[in-house]
Amino acid sequence: MTPMMRFKLMAFAFLLSISAFFLAVSPALAAYRLILKNGSVLEGIGSYTRADGEIRFQYGGGTIGIPEKDVLRIEKSRQEPTVVLPEYTAPAKKTQAQPSRPKTNNSGRLAEINRRLAEIKAKEDEYRQLKAQYQEVMLRIQNLFNQGRQAAIGAGKSQIQANQQYGQFLGPAQQQMVQANFLAKQQLEAKIKDMETNVLPPLMQEKARLLQEKQELESLS
């Protein structure tokens, strides 16, 4: 056997031993692959552990932790049985027990709530009526002003003089209407201000509370 043939045989034997080594070691070093719920697959995982809601394993020279909820399953290499993770369930939060509302006499309380809501609605309707009356009074005042102003301009008064002296160019009945409408305007303004400042704000707060309580009671029935 020539030296060259002896060298080739030795090289071939070395390659066989290296191949046998990797065939024996690789299943232990890369026994698992992780399949994530987003479709990603991580190959070449030797081992893994579960801790604090994570799957932890050595990968690429370091330790990686993936939330357990993001892992679809873990498979063993070489067609070995698949390890299927249970569906992730977040830890239950501790909540303080809420005192239960008595379920007795719900119908009576609902009737009382509806009666009070009707009273509040009546006040809201009254406020809307006051606003509508105020608009009507302002419209009448504007119409009388336009009539007197046009008459003053027709009599040769300037624009400024017509605006200031329009009442002098109205008839007696119209002048009385101007006075009555201005008095009604003042009275309506006072009532509207009282409603907006003193009456409606607490009623709106009470209405919100009653509606919430009504919804809770109706959900229990």
N, C-alpha and C. Protein backbone atom coordinates (compact mmCIF):
# COMPACT_ATOMS: atom_id res chain seq x y z
N MET A 1 0.85 -1.20 0.00
CA MET A 1 0.00 0.00 0.00
C MET A 1 0.89 1.24 0.00
N THR A 2 0.64 2.12 -0.87
CA THR A 2 1.47 3.32 -1.01
C THR A 2 1.14 4.30 0.11
N PRO A 3 2.06 5.20 0.43
CA PRO A 3 1.78 6.23 1.44
C PRO A 3 0.54 7.06 1.12
N MET A 4 0.29 7.34 -0.14
CA MET A 4 -0.86 8.15 -0.51
C MET A 4 -2.17 7.43 -0.20
N MET A 5 -2.23 6.10 -0.48
CA MET A 5 -3.43 5.34 -0.19
C MET A 5 -3.68 5.24 1.31
N ARG A 6 -2.54 5.09 2.09
CA ARG A 6 -2.66 5.01 3.54
C ARG A 6 -3.24 6.32 4.08
N PHE A 7 -2.83 7.46 3.54
CA PHE A 7 -3.31 8.77 3.98
C PHE A 7 -4.80 8.92 3.70
N LYS A 8 -5.23 8.48 2.52
CA LYS A 8 -6.66 8.60 2.16
C LYS A 8 -7.53 7.76 3.08
N LEU A 9 -7.06 6.55 3.45
CA LEU A 9 -7.83 5.70 4.34
C LEU A 9 -7.96 6.32 5.72
N MET A 10 -6.87 6.92 6.20
CA MET A 10 -6.90 7.56 7.52
C MET A 10 -7.86 8.76 7.52
N ALA A 11 -7.82 9.52 6.45
CA ALA A 11 -8.71 10.68 6.35
C ALA A 11 -10.17 10.24 6.32
N PHE A 12 -10.45 9.18 5.59
CA PHE A 12 -11.81 8.67 5.50
C PHE A 12 -12.32 8.19 6.85
N ALA A 13 -11.45 7.50 7.58
CA ALA A 13 -11.83 7.02 8.92
C ALA A 13 -12.10 8.18 9.87
N PHE A 14 -11.30 9.25 9.75
CA PHE A 14 -11.50 10.43 10.60
C PHE A 14 -12.85 11.08 10.33
N LEU A 15 -13.19 11.19 9.05
CA LEU A 15 -14.48 11.79 8.70
C LEU A 15 -15.64 10.96 9.21
N LEU A 16 -15.51 9.64 9.16
CA LEU A 16 -16.57 8.78 9.67
C LEU A 16 -16.76 8.98 11.16
N SER A 17 -15.66 9.12 11.90
CA SER A 17 -15.77 9.31 13.35
C SER A 17 -16.40 10.64 13.69
N ILE A 18 -16.06 11.70 12.93
CA ILE A 18 -16.66 13.02 13.15
C ILE A 18 -18.16 12.97 12.87
N SER A 19 -18.55 12.34 11.79
CA SER A 19 -19.97 12.24 11.44
C SER A 19 -20.74 11.50 12.51
N ALA A 20 -20.15 10.38 13.01
CA ALA A 20 -20.81 9.61 14.07
C ALA A 20 -20.98 10.45 15.32
N PHE A 21 -19.98 11.30 15.61
CA PHE A 21 -20.07 12.15 16.81
C PHE A 21 -21.25 13.13 16.72
N PHE A 22 -21.36 13.80 15.57
CA PHE A 22 -22.44 14.76 15.42
C PHE A 22 -23.80 14.10 15.35
N LEU A 23 -23.85 12.92 14.78
CA LEU A 23 -25.13 12.22 14.76
C LEU A 23 -25.57 11.83 16.15
N ALA A 24 -24.61 11.52 17.01
CA ALA A 24 -24.95 11.13 18.38
C ALA A 24 -25.26 12.32 19.24
N VAL A 25 -24.60 13.50 19.00
CA VAL A 25 -24.72 14.64 19.89
C VAL A 25 -25.85 15.57 19.48
N SER A 26 -26.07 15.75 18.18
CA SER A 26 -27.02 16.77 17.74
C SER A 26 -28.42 16.59 18.26
N PRO A 27 -28.97 15.37 18.38
CA PRO A 27 -30.32 15.25 18.95
C PRO A 27 -30.40 15.75 20.36
N ALA A 28 -29.33 15.60 21.13
CA ALA A 28 -29.36 16.08 22.51
C ALA A 28 -29.24 17.59 22.57
N LEU A 29 -28.42 18.15 21.61
CA LEU A 29 -28.21 19.59 21.64
C LEU A 29 -29.36 20.35 21.01
N ALA A 30 -30.05 19.76 20.09
CA ALA A 30 -31.14 20.44 19.39
C ALA A 30 -32.36 19.54 19.39
N ALA A 31 -32.89 19.26 20.61
CA ALA A 31 -33.96 18.28 20.73
C ALA A 31 -35.34 18.88 20.51
N TYR A 32 -35.46 20.22 20.51
CA TYR A 32 -36.79 20.82 20.44
C TYR A 32 -36.82 21.96 19.43
N ARG A 33 -38.03 22.27 19.03
CA ARG A 33 -38.28 23.50 18.28
C ARG A 33 -39.59 24.10 18.81
N LEU A 34 -39.59 25.45 18.91
CA LEU A 34 -40.75 26.17 19.43
C LEU A 34 -41.52 26.75 18.27
N ILE A 35 -42.83 26.51 18.28
CA ILE A 35 -43.71 27.09 17.26
C ILE A 35 -44.58 28.13 17.97
N LEU A 36 -44.43 29.39 17.54
CA LEU A 36 -45.15 30.49 18.17
C LEU A 36 -46.50 30.70 17.49
N LYS A 37 -47.38 31.37 18.20
CA LYS A 37 -48.73 31.61 17.68
C LYS A 37 -48.73 32.55 16.48
N ASN A 38 -47.68 33.34 16.31
CA ASN A 38 -47.60 34.22 15.15
C ASN A 38 -47.02 33.53 13.93
N GLY A 39 -46.72 32.21 14.03
CA GLY A 39 -46.22 31.45 12.90
C GLY A 39 -44.71 31.27 12.88
N SER A 40 -43.99 31.97 13.76
CA SER A 40 -42.54 31.84 13.79
C SER A 40 -42.15 30.49 14.40
N VAL A 41 -40.99 29.96 13.96
CA VAL A 41 -40.48 28.68 14.45
C VAL A 41 -39.03 28.88 14.86
N LEU A 42 -38.70 28.43 16.07
CA LEU A 42 -37.32 28.48 16.58
C LEU A 42 -36.79 27.07 16.63
N GLU A 43 -35.75 26.80 15.84
CA GLU A 43 -35.14 25.48 15.76
C GLU A 43 -33.88 25.44 16.63
N GLY A 44 -33.39 24.22 16.88
CA GLY A 44 -32.10 24.03 17.52
C GLY A 44 -32.08 24.34 18.99
N ILE A 45 -33.14 23.97 19.72
CA ILE A 45 -33.22 24.23 21.15
C ILE A 45 -32.92 22.94 21.89
N GLY A 46 -31.92 23.00 22.77
CA GLY A 46 -31.52 21.80 23.50
C GLY A 46 -32.47 21.45 24.61
N SER A 47 -32.84 22.41 25.43
CA SER A 47 -33.75 22.17 26.54
C SER A 47 -34.46 23.47 26.88
N TYR A 48 -35.49 23.37 27.67
CA TYR A 48 -36.23 24.55 28.04
C TYR A 48 -36.82 24.35 29.43
N THR A 49 -37.19 25.47 30.06
CA THR A 49 -37.83 25.43 31.38
C THR A 49 -39.00 26.41 31.37
N ARG A 50 -39.93 26.17 32.29
CA ARG A 50 -41.05 27.10 32.47
C ARG A 50 -40.84 27.82 33.80
N ALA A 51 -40.96 29.15 33.77
CA ALA A 51 -40.81 29.93 35.00
C ALA A 51 -41.45 31.28 34.81
N ASP A 52 -42.25 31.70 35.79
CA ASP A 52 -42.86 33.03 35.81
C ASP A 52 -43.63 33.33 34.53
N GLY A 53 -44.34 32.33 34.01
CA GLY A 53 -45.14 32.56 32.81
C GLY A 53 -44.35 32.63 31.53
N GLU A 54 -43.09 32.16 31.53
CA GLU A 54 -42.25 32.21 30.36
C GLU A 54 -41.69 30.83 30.03
N ILE A 55 -41.36 30.64 28.76
CA ILE A 55 -40.57 29.49 28.32
C ILE A 55 -39.15 30.00 28.13
N ARG A 56 -38.20 29.45 28.89
CA ARG A 56 -36.82 29.93 28.84
C ARG A 56 -35.92 28.83 28.29
N PHE A 57 -34.97 29.24 27.42
CA PHE A 57 -34.07 28.27 26.82
C PHE A 57 -32.80 28.98 26.35
N GLN A 58 -31.76 28.19 26.14
CA GLN A 58 -30.50 28.68 25.62
C GLN A 58 -30.60 28.74 24.10
N TYR A 59 -30.24 29.89 23.55
CA TYR A 59 -30.35 30.04 22.10
C TYR A 59 -29.38 31.12 21.65
N GLY A 60 -28.51 30.78 20.70
CA GLY A 60 -27.56 31.75 20.16
C GLY A 60 -26.57 32.26 21.18
N GLY A 61 -26.18 31.45 22.12
CA GLY A 61 -25.18 31.87 23.10
C GLY A 61 -25.75 32.62 24.28
N GLY A 62 -27.04 32.71 24.41
CA GLY A 62 -27.64 33.41 25.53
C GLY A 62 -28.95 32.77 25.93
N THR A 63 -29.58 33.31 26.99
CA THR A 63 -30.86 32.80 27.49
C THR A 63 -31.98 33.69 26.97
N ILE A 64 -32.99 33.05 26.40
CA ILE A 64 -34.14 33.78 25.86
C ILE A 64 -35.38 33.35 26.63
N GLY A 65 -36.21 34.31 26.94
CA GLY A 65 -37.50 34.03 27.58
C GLY A 65 -38.63 34.51 26.70
N ILE A 66 -39.56 33.64 26.40
CA ILE A 66 -40.73 33.98 25.59
C ILE A 66 -41.98 33.76 26.44
N PRO A 67 -42.89 34.74 26.47
CA PRO A 67 -44.11 34.55 27.26
C PRO A 67 -44.83 33.27 26.83
N GLU A 68 -45.24 32.50 27.81
CA GLU A 68 -45.89 31.22 27.54
C GLU A 68 -47.18 31.39 26.74
N LYS A 69 -47.83 32.53 26.89
CA LYS A 69 -49.07 32.76 26.16
C LYS A 69 -48.84 32.91 24.66
N ASP A 70 -47.58 33.23 24.25
CA ASP A 70 -47.28 33.42 22.84
C ASP A 70 -46.83 32.13 22.16
N VAL A 71 -46.65 31.03 22.91
CA VAL A 71 -46.15 29.77 22.36
C VAL A 71 -47.33 28.86 22.03
N LEU A 72 -47.39 28.43 20.77
CA LEU A 72 -48.46 27.51 20.35
C LEU A 72 -48.18 26.10 20.84
N ARG A 73 -46.97 25.60 20.56
CA ARG A 73 -46.59 24.26 21.02
C ARG A 73 -45.07 24.10 20.92
N ILE A 74 -44.57 23.07 21.58
CA ILE A 74 -43.15 22.71 21.52
C ILE A 74 -43.07 21.30 20.94
N GLU A 75 -42.28 21.15 19.89
CA GLU A 75 -42.14 19.86 19.22
C GLU A 75 -40.74 19.30 19.44
N LYS A 76 -40.67 17.99 19.60
CA LYS A 76 -39.38 17.31 19.64
C LYS A 76 -38.92 16.98 18.24
N SER A 77 -37.63 17.01 18.06
CA SER A 77 -37.05 16.72 16.76
C SER A 77 -37.16 15.24 16.43
N ARG A 78 -36.92 14.91 15.17
CA ARG A 78 -36.86 13.54 14.68
C ARG A 78 -38.17 12.80 14.89
N GLN A 79 -39.30 13.55 14.66
CA GLN A 79 -40.63 12.96 14.68
C GLN A 79 -41.01 12.34 16.01
N GLU A 80 -40.39 12.79 17.10
CA GLU A 80 -40.77 12.28 18.41
C GLU A 80 -42.06 12.95 18.86
N PRO A 81 -42.74 12.41 19.89
CA PRO A 81 -44.04 12.96 20.29
C PRO A 81 -43.98 14.46 20.55
N THR A 82 -45.02 15.14 20.15
CA THR A 82 -45.09 16.58 20.30
C THR A 82 -45.55 16.95 21.71
N VAL A 83 -44.91 17.99 22.25
CA VAL A 83 -45.31 18.52 23.55
C VAL A 83 -46.25 19.69 23.29
N VAL A 84 -47.52 19.54 23.62
CA VAL A 84 -48.52 20.58 23.39
C VAL A 84 -48.74 21.34 24.68
N LEU A 85 -48.52 22.64 24.63
CA LEU A 85 -48.70 23.46 25.82
C LEU A 85 -50.18 23.70 26.08
N PRO A 86 -50.60 23.72 27.31
CA PRO A 86 -51.98 24.09 27.61
C PRO A 86 -52.21 25.55 27.27
N GLU A 87 -53.46 25.88 26.96
CA GLU A 87 -53.79 27.26 26.65
C GLU A 87 -53.42 28.16 27.82
N TYR A 88 -52.75 29.27 27.50
CA TYR A 88 -52.28 30.17 28.55
C TYR A 88 -53.47 30.86 29.22
N THR A 89 -53.43 30.87 30.52
CA THR A 89 -54.46 31.54 31.30
C THR A 89 -53.78 32.51 32.25
N ALA A 90 -54.11 33.78 32.12
CA ALA A 90 -53.51 34.78 32.99
C ALA A 90 -53.91 34.54 34.43
N PRO A 91 -52.98 34.82 35.37
CA PRO A 91 -53.32 34.63 36.78
C PRO A 91 -54.50 35.50 37.17
N ALA A 92 -55.39 34.93 37.93
CA ALA A 92 -56.59 35.66 38.34
C ALA A 92 -56.21 36.76 39.32
N LYS A 93 -56.75 37.95 39.08
CA LYS A 93 -56.49 39.07 39.97
C LYS A 93 -57.40 38.99 41.19
N LYS A 94 -56.81 39.28 42.32
CA LYS A 94 -57.58 39.27 43.55
C LYS A 94 -58.41 40.54 43.64
N THR A 95 -59.66 40.39 43.79
CA THR A 95 -60.54 41.55 43.91
C THR A 95 -61.30 41.47 45.23
N GLN A 96 -61.53 42.63 45.78
CA GLN A 96 -62.28 42.68 47.02
C GLN A 96 -63.76 42.40 46.74
N ALA A 97 -64.32 41.62 47.57
CA ALA A 97 -65.73 41.27 47.39
C ALA A 97 -66.58 42.52 47.58
N GLN A 98 -67.44 42.78 46.61
CA GLN A 98 -68.33 43.92 46.69
C GLN A 98 -69.60 43.54 47.46
N PRO A 99 -70.02 44.41 48.32
CA PRO A 99 -71.25 44.10 49.06
C PRO A 99 -72.43 43.97 48.11
N SER A 100 -73.16 42.91 48.24
CA SER A 100 -74.28 42.66 47.35
C SER A 100 -75.47 43.55 47.73
N ARG A 101 -76.11 44.07 46.70
CA ARG A 101 -77.28 44.92 46.92
C ARG A 101 -78.49 44.04 47.24
N PRO A 102 -79.23 44.38 48.25
CA PRO A 102 -80.41 43.57 48.56
C PRO A 102 -81.35 43.49 47.36
N LYS A 103 -81.81 42.30 47.07
CA LYS A 103 -82.67 42.09 45.92
C LYS A 103 -84.16 42.21 46.24
N THR A 104 -84.46 42.50 47.49
CA THR A 104 -85.86 42.58 47.89
C THR A 104 -86.44 43.94 47.53
N ASN A 105 -87.70 43.97 47.18
CA ASN A 105 -88.45 45.20 46.90
C ASN A 105 -87.84 46.01 45.77
N ASN A 106 -87.26 45.35 44.76
CA ASN A 106 -86.71 46.07 43.62
C ASN A 106 -87.78 46.83 42.85
N SER A 107 -88.94 46.22 42.70
CA SER A 107 -90.00 46.87 41.94
C SER A 107 -90.45 48.17 42.60
N GLY A 108 -90.51 48.16 43.93
CA GLY A 108 -90.90 49.38 44.63
C GLY A 108 -89.88 50.49 44.46
N ARG A 109 -88.61 50.13 44.53
CA ARG A 109 -87.55 51.13 44.36
C ARG A 109 -87.53 51.65 42.94
N LEU A 110 -87.75 50.77 41.95
CA LEU A 110 -87.78 51.21 40.56
C LEU A 110 -88.93 52.20 40.33
N ALA A 111 -90.07 51.93 40.95
CA ALA A 111 -91.20 52.85 40.80
C ALA A 111 -90.87 54.21 41.40
N GLU A 112 -90.19 54.20 42.55
CA GLU A 112 -89.80 55.46 43.19
C GLU A 112 -88.80 56.22 42.31
N ILE A 113 -87.86 55.50 41.71
CA ILE A 113 -86.88 56.15 40.84
C ILE A 113 -87.56 56.76 39.62
N ASN A 114 -88.48 56.01 39.01
CA ASN A 114 -89.18 56.52 37.83
C ASN A 114 -90.01 57.76 38.16
N ARG A 115 -90.62 57.75 39.35
CA ARG A 115 -91.41 58.92 39.75
C ARG A 115 -90.51 60.15 39.90
N ARG A 116 -89.35 59.96 40.52
CA ARG A 116 -88.43 61.09 40.70
C ARG A 116 -87.85 61.55 39.37
N LEU A 117 -87.56 60.62 38.47
CA LEU A 117 -87.07 61.00 37.15
C LEU A 117 -88.11 61.80 36.37
N ALA A 118 -89.38 61.46 36.57
CA ALA A 118 -90.45 62.22 35.91
C ALA A 118 -90.50 63.65 36.44
N GLU A 119 -90.29 63.82 37.76
CA GLU A 119 -90.27 65.17 38.35
C GLU A 119 -89.10 65.98 37.79
N ILE A 120 -87.96 65.35 37.66
CA ILE A 120 -86.79 66.05 37.12
C ILE A 120 -87.04 66.43 35.67
N LYS A 121 -87.66 65.55 34.91
CA LYS A 121 -87.97 65.86 33.51
C LYS A 121 -88.93 67.04 33.41
N ALA A 122 -89.85 67.14 34.35
CA ALA A 122 -90.78 68.27 34.34
C ALA A 122 -90.03 69.59 34.51
N LYS A 123 -89.02 69.59 35.36
CA LYS A 123 -88.19 70.79 35.54
C LYS A 123 -87.40 71.10 34.28
N GLU A 124 -86.91 70.06 33.63
CA GLU A 124 -86.18 70.27 32.37
C GLU A 124 -87.12 70.86 31.31
N ASP A 125 -88.34 70.36 31.26
CA ASP A 125 -89.33 70.90 30.31
C ASP A 125 -89.66 72.35 30.62
N GLU A 126 -89.77 72.66 31.90
CA GLU A 126 -90.05 74.04 32.30
C GLU A 126 -88.93 74.97 31.84
N TYR A 127 -87.68 74.51 31.98
CA TYR A 127 -86.55 75.32 31.54
C TYR A 127 -86.59 75.55 30.03
N ARG A 128 -86.91 74.49 29.27
CA ARG A 128 -86.99 74.65 27.82
C ARG A 128 -88.12 75.61 27.42
N GLN A 129 -89.23 75.58 28.15
CA GLN A 129 -90.33 76.51 27.87
C GLN A 129 -89.93 77.95 28.14
N LEU A 130 -89.18 78.17 29.23
CA LEU A 130 -88.70 79.52 29.53
C LEU A 130 -87.80 80.03 28.43
N LYS A 131 -86.92 79.16 27.93
CA LYS A 131 -86.02 79.57 26.85
C LYS A 131 -86.81 79.90 25.58
N ALA A 132 -87.85 79.12 25.30
CA ALA A 132 -88.67 79.37 24.11
C ALA A 132 -89.43 80.70 24.25
N GLN A 133 -89.98 80.98 25.44
CA GLN A 133 -90.69 82.24 25.69
C GLN A 133 -89.73 83.42 25.55
N TYR A 134 -88.52 83.25 26.03
CA TYR A 134 -87.53 84.32 25.93
C TYR A 134 -87.22 84.64 24.46
N GLN A 135 -87.11 83.62 23.64
CA GLN A 135 -86.85 83.83 22.22
C GLN A 135 -88.01 84.57 21.56
N GLU A 136 -89.23 84.23 21.95
CA GLU A 136 -90.40 84.92 21.38
C GLU A 136 -90.42 86.39 21.79
N VAL A 137 -90.12 86.69 23.04
CA VAL A 137 -90.10 88.08 23.51
C VAL A 137 -89.02 88.87 22.76
N MET A 138 -87.85 88.29 22.61
CA MET A 138 -86.77 88.97 21.90
C MET A 138 -87.15 89.23 20.45
N LEU A 139 -87.89 88.32 19.85
CA LEU A 139 -88.33 88.51 18.46
C LEU A 139 -89.33 89.66 18.36
N ARG A 140 -90.27 89.75 19.34
CA ARG A 140 -91.23 90.85 19.33
C ARG A 140 -90.53 92.19 19.52
N ILE A 141 -89.55 92.23 20.44
CA ILE A 141 -88.80 93.47 20.67
C ILE A 141 -88.06 93.89 19.40
N GLN A 142 -87.46 92.92 18.71
CA GLN A 142 -86.73 93.23 17.47
C GLN A 142 -87.67 93.75 16.39
N ASN A 143 -88.85 93.18 16.29
CA ASN A 143 -89.81 93.64 15.27
C ASN A 143 -90.27 95.07 15.54
N LEU A 144 -90.57 95.37 16.81
CA LEU A 144 -90.97 96.74 17.17
C LEU A 144 -89.84 97.72 16.93
N PHE A 145 -88.64 97.33 17.22
CA PHE A 145 -87.48 98.19 16.97
C PHE A 145 -87.35 98.48 15.47
N ASN A 146 -87.50 97.46 14.65
CA ASN A 146 -87.38 97.66 13.20
C ASN A 146 -88.47 98.60 12.68
N GLN A 147 -89.69 98.46 13.21
CA GLN A 147 -90.78 99.33 12.76
C GLN A 147 -90.49 100.79 13.12
N GLY A 148 -90.11 101.04 14.39
CA GLY A 148 -89.82 102.41 14.80
C GLY A 148 -88.61 102.99 14.08
N ARG A 149 -87.62 102.17 13.84
CA ARG A 149 -86.40 102.64 13.16
C ARG A 149 -86.71 103.03 11.72
N GLN A 150 -87.47 102.22 11.02
CA GLN A 150 -87.82 102.54 9.64
C GLN A 150 -88.65 103.83 9.57
N ALA A 151 -89.56 104.00 10.53
CA ALA A 151 -90.36 105.23 10.56
C ALA A 151 -89.49 106.45 10.83
N ALA A 152 -88.50 106.30 11.70
CA ALA A 152 -87.61 107.43 12.01
C ALA A 152 -86.76 107.79 10.80
N ILE A 153 -86.24 106.78 10.09
CA ILE A 153 -85.44 107.06 8.90
C ILE A 153 -86.32 107.71 7.82
N GLY A 154 -87.58 107.26 7.72
CA GLY A 154 -88.50 107.87 6.76
C GLY A 154 -88.79 109.33 7.09
N ALA A 155 -88.67 109.69 8.38
CA ALA A 155 -88.89 111.07 8.80
C ALA A 155 -87.63 111.91 8.69
N GLY A 156 -86.58 111.38 8.13
CA GLY A 156 -85.35 112.14 7.91
C GLY A 156 -84.30 111.98 8.99
N LYS A 157 -84.46 111.07 9.92
CA LYS A 157 -83.47 110.86 10.96
C LYS A 157 -82.29 110.03 10.41
N SER A 158 -81.12 110.27 10.99
CA SER A 158 -79.94 109.49 10.61
C SER A 158 -80.04 108.08 11.19
N GLN A 159 -79.11 107.23 10.79
CA GLN A 159 -79.10 105.85 11.29
C GLN A 159 -78.96 105.83 12.81
N ILE A 160 -78.03 106.63 13.33
CA ILE A 160 -77.82 106.64 14.78
C ILE A 160 -79.05 107.21 15.49
N GLN A 161 -79.60 108.30 14.97
CA GLN A 161 -80.79 108.90 15.59
C GLN A 161 -81.97 107.94 15.53
N ALA A 162 -82.10 107.21 14.44
CA ALA A 162 -83.21 106.27 14.31
C ALA A 162 -83.07 105.14 15.32
N ASN A 163 -81.85 104.69 15.56
CA ASN A 163 -81.64 103.62 16.55
C ASN A 163 -81.98 104.10 17.95
N GLN A 164 -81.67 105.38 18.26
CA GLN A 164 -81.87 105.89 19.61
C GLN A 164 -83.32 106.35 19.85
N GLN A 165 -83.99 106.83 18.81
CA GLN A 165 -85.30 107.46 18.98
C GLN A 165 -86.43 106.65 18.35
N TYR A 166 -86.20 105.37 18.08
CA TYR A 166 -87.20 104.58 17.36
C TYR A 166 -88.54 104.54 18.10
N GLY A 167 -88.50 104.56 19.46
CA GLY A 167 -89.74 104.48 20.23
C GLY A 167 -90.66 105.67 20.02
N GLN A 168 -90.11 106.84 19.69
CA GLN A 168 -90.92 108.03 19.48
C GLN A 168 -91.74 107.96 18.20
N PHE A 169 -91.36 107.07 17.30
CA PHE A 169 -92.04 106.95 16.01
C PHE A 169 -92.99 105.75 15.98
N LEU A 170 -93.28 105.22 17.16
CA LEU A 170 -94.26 104.14 17.29
C LEU A 170 -95.56 104.71 17.84
N GLY A 171 -96.68 104.05 17.55
CA GLY A 171 -97.95 104.47 18.09
C GLY A 171 -98.05 104.13 19.57
N PRO A 172 -99.03 104.67 20.28
CA PRO A 172 -99.19 104.41 21.72
C PRO A 172 -99.29 102.93 22.05
N ALA A 173 -100.07 102.20 21.26
CA ALA A 173 -100.21 100.76 21.54
C ALA A 173 -98.87 100.04 21.36
N GLN A 174 -98.14 100.43 20.33
CA GLN A 174 -96.85 99.80 20.10
C GLN A 174 -95.85 100.13 21.22
N GLN A 175 -95.91 101.38 21.71
CA GLN A 175 -95.02 101.77 22.81
C GLN A 175 -95.32 100.95 24.06
N GLN A 176 -96.60 100.70 24.34
CA GLN A 176 -96.96 99.86 25.48
C GLN A 176 -96.44 98.42 25.29
N MET A 177 -96.51 97.94 24.07
CA MET A 177 -95.98 96.60 23.79
C MET A 177 -94.47 96.54 24.02
N VAL A 178 -93.78 97.62 23.66
CA VAL A 178 -92.33 97.65 23.90
C VAL A 178 -92.05 97.54 25.39
N GLN A 179 -92.75 98.33 26.21
CA GLN A 179 -92.55 98.30 27.65
C GLN A 179 -92.89 96.93 28.23
N ALA A 180 -94.00 96.34 27.78
CA ALA A 180 -94.41 95.04 28.31
C ALA A 180 -93.40 93.95 27.93
N ASN A 181 -92.88 94.02 26.74
CA ASN A 181 -91.92 93.00 26.31
C ASN A 181 -90.58 93.14 27.03
N PHE A 182 -90.15 94.36 27.29
CA PHE A 182 -88.91 94.54 28.04
C PHE A 182 -89.06 94.05 29.49
N LEU A 183 -90.25 94.27 30.07
CA LEU A 183 -90.50 93.77 31.41
C LEU A 183 -90.50 92.23 31.41
N ALA A 184 -91.16 91.64 30.41
CA ALA A 184 -91.17 90.18 30.31
C ALA A 184 -89.76 89.64 30.09
N LYS A 185 -88.96 90.35 29.32
CA LYS A 185 -87.58 89.94 29.07
C LYS A 185 -86.79 89.88 30.38
N GLN A 186 -86.93 90.90 31.22
CA GLN A 186 -86.20 90.92 32.49
C GLN A 186 -86.64 89.78 33.40
N GLN A 187 -87.95 89.55 33.46
CA GLN A 187 -88.46 88.48 34.31
C GLN A 187 -87.98 87.10 33.84
N LEU A 188 -88.02 86.88 32.53
CA LEU A 188 -87.57 85.60 31.99
C LEU A 188 -86.07 85.40 32.20
N GLU A 189 -85.30 86.44 32.06
CA GLU A 189 -83.86 86.33 32.28
C GLU A 189 -83.56 85.93 33.72
N ALA A 190 -84.30 86.49 34.66
CA ALA A 190 -84.09 86.15 36.07
C ALA A 190 -84.45 84.69 36.33
N LYS A 191 -85.57 84.22 35.78
CA LYS A 191 -85.98 82.83 35.98
C LYS A 191 -84.98 81.85 35.34
N ILE A 192 -84.55 82.17 34.13
CA ILE A 192 -83.61 81.30 33.44
C ILE A 192 -82.28 81.22 34.19
N LYS A 193 -81.82 82.36 34.69
CA LYS A 193 -80.57 82.37 35.45
C LYS A 193 -80.69 81.52 36.71
N ASP A 194 -81.84 81.63 37.40
CA ASP A 194 -82.05 80.84 38.61
C ASP A 194 -82.07 79.35 38.29
N MET A 195 -82.73 78.99 37.18
CA MET A 195 -82.77 77.58 36.79
C MET A 195 -81.37 77.07 36.49
N GLU A 196 -80.60 77.84 35.74
CA GLU A 196 -79.26 77.40 35.32
C GLU A 196 -78.27 77.38 36.48
N THR A 197 -78.48 78.24 37.47
CA THR A 197 -77.51 78.35 38.57
C THR A 197 -77.88 77.48 39.76
N ASN A 198 -79.14 77.48 40.15
CA ASN A 198 -79.54 76.85 41.41
C ASN A 198 -80.36 75.57 41.25
N VAL A 199 -81.21 75.50 40.24
CA VAL A 199 -82.16 74.39 40.15
C VAL A 199 -81.60 73.21 39.38
N LEU A 200 -81.14 73.44 38.16
CA LEU A 200 -80.77 72.33 37.28
C LEU A 200 -79.49 71.59 37.68
N PRO A 201 -78.42 72.25 38.12
CA PRO A 201 -77.19 71.49 38.41
C PRO A 201 -77.37 70.34 39.41
N PRO A 202 -77.99 70.57 40.61
CA PRO A 202 -78.18 69.43 41.51
C PRO A 202 -79.14 68.38 40.95
N LEU A 203 -80.12 68.82 40.16
CA LEU A 203 -81.05 67.86 39.57
C LEU A 203 -80.34 66.96 38.56
N MET A 204 -79.41 67.53 37.79
CA MET A 204 -78.69 66.73 36.80
C MET A 204 -77.79 65.69 37.49
N GLN A 205 -77.20 66.07 38.61
CA GLN A 205 -76.38 65.10 39.37
C GLN A 205 -77.26 63.98 39.94
N GLU A 206 -78.41 64.37 40.48
CA GLU A 206 -79.34 63.36 41.01
C GLU A 206 -79.84 62.46 39.90
N LYS A 207 -80.12 63.01 38.74
CA LYS A 207 -80.60 62.23 37.61
C LYS A 207 -79.57 61.17 37.19
N ALA A 208 -78.30 61.56 37.15
CA ALA A 208 -77.25 60.61 36.77
C ALA A 208 -77.17 59.45 37.76
N ARG A 209 -77.27 59.77 39.07
CA ARG A 209 -77.23 58.71 40.09
C ARG A 209 -78.43 57.78 39.97
N LEU A 210 -79.61 58.36 39.75
CA LEU A 210 -80.82 57.55 39.66
C LEU A 210 -80.79 56.63 38.43
N LEU A 211 -80.30 57.14 37.31
CA LEU A 211 -80.23 56.32 36.11
C LEU A 211 -79.26 55.15 36.29
N GLN A 212 -78.16 55.40 36.97
CA GLN A 212 -77.22 54.30 37.23
C GLN A 212 -77.83 53.25 38.15
N GLU A 213 -78.50 53.71 39.21
CA GLU A 213 -79.14 52.77 40.12
C GLU A 213 -80.24 51.99 39.41
N LYS A 214 -80.99 52.67 38.55
CA LYS A 214 -82.06 52.00 37.81
C LYS A 214 -81.50 50.91 36.91
N GLN A 215 -80.38 51.19 36.25
CA GLN A 215 -79.76 50.18 35.39
C GLN A 215 -79.30 48.97 36.19
N GLU A 216 -78.74 49.21 37.38
CA GLU A 216 -78.29 48.09 38.22
C GLU A 216 -79.47 47.24 38.68
N LEU A 217 -80.55 47.90 39.10
CA LEU A 217 -81.72 47.17 39.56
C LEU A 217 -82.35 46.35 38.44
N GLU A 218 -82.42 46.93 37.26
CA GLU A 218 -83.02 46.22 36.13
C GLU A 218 -82.15 45.02 35.71
N SER A 219 -80.83 45.12 35.91
CA SER A 219 -79.97 43.97 35.57
C SER A 219 -80.16 42.82 36.55
N LEU A 220 -80.63 43.11 37.76
CA LEU A 220 -80.86 42.06 38.76
C LEU A 220 -82.20 41.35 38.57
N SER A 221 -83.09 41.99 37.86
CA SER A 221 -84.43 41.41 37.72
C SER A 221 -84.47 40.41 36.58
